[in-house]
Amino acid sequence: MEFVKQSAPHIKRKDNLMWMLLNVIIALAPTAIWAAVVTPLAALRIFPLAIATCLLCEFLFVIITKKDPKAFKIENILSSIITGMIYGLCLPTEMSWDNGMGYVVVIFGAAIGIILGKLVFGGLGNNIFNPAALGMVVVRLFWGGFLSSSTASTGGFIDGSIVAGGTSLSYGATYSNIANADFLGMFLGRAPGALGEGFHIAILVGLAYLLITRTIDWRVFVSYFGTFAVLMLVAGIVVQTQLPTVNCGAFLLYQLLSGGILFGAVFMITDPVTGPMGGPNRVLFGIFGGFMVALIRIVLKTEGVAYSILFANMIAPVLDYPSWSSSTWKKHHFISAGIIGVFGILLVVLVLLFKKGAIA
């Protein structure tokens, strides 16, 4: 067998990297447009600033490493735009801008994300971490209180109403509240949260485009989102046994519609550069990521999408080890998937039953 060294993304396609990047931008457009229409002031501040920061960092990296401005190509520009857009869509719809902290969060997160998540590994096609996810995790570690206290308001589709307060995910941290949730409102964006997590129709339109153009691997999306859904269904059944007022179906629906799980499953975990090669390994990659986000939500009752993506990124190089890489399913793939699935179900059940305050 001959091994060929090649930069990511490792996808057999008729088009090139430039068109792949353009497809991602086109897929992001409906969500970004919705955010700009509903919260124009926040979008006007966040998007240009995040994209400009990523572009500047990318340009300086090319100048320093290549010593030739002509080496800054269209692929560098498009990649930076994608990172800036995704990072911006992960931020709260409203932040305090009067003291300048909002600008600091946008610039610092975008810069750290693209520098530590991408450029230090050699730039485009060489990074192992999703830059937007890394940037979001870093700013939450540094300014978690600021982001949590920011007014997370978002306009509602159709009626244009504004909802202020904590995110819908924090509202559902008390499981008894789920019985009063407005699921249609959550689906249509009439719930507080980040810029990109509200209007699910726009995200699904982007998903359809990415799948039709074969820009992403459907196996990563299905395994990530599906694993999360299965574990949350199990959690819902356990919660219903302890809180009869909470229906397990409603619990599952709430978890699927709240937070950034759908946005992360479509635009972040499916990044071909930070994922492994081979169909079976990509399924394992998605299963592990879905397990991590479910575990974080159950244990900490908080959003865990960005963290789960970074954890999954960490195991991608392990999955790419030659003895694991395969285009067909082998015995060790089935065993690994089964272990993660069984362990995930057991852990979710045990945490809910025995962790103090897990069910409330």
Foldseek 3Di string as FASTA:
>chain_A
DDDDDDFDPPDDDPDDLLVLLVLLVVLLVLLLVQLCVLLVVLSVLQLVLLLVLLLVLLQVLCCVPVVDSVVCDSSSSSVSSLLSSLLQQQAASFADPPVPVVSVLRNQLSNCLCVVQAVVQPHPRRGQARSSLSSVVVSCVVPVVRRQPTWFWTAFPPVGDIDTDGFLLLQCQQVLSLLVDDLVRLCRQRTGHGSRQGPVVSNVSSQVSCVVNVSFDVLLLCLQLVLLLVLQLLLLVLLCVVPVSRHSVSSSSSVSSTDRSSVLSRNPLRPSSNAADANLRSSLLNNQLNLQQNVCCQQVSDGCSSVSSRVSSVCRVVCNDVVNHDNDDDPVSVVSSVVSSVVSNVVSNCCCVPPPPSHD
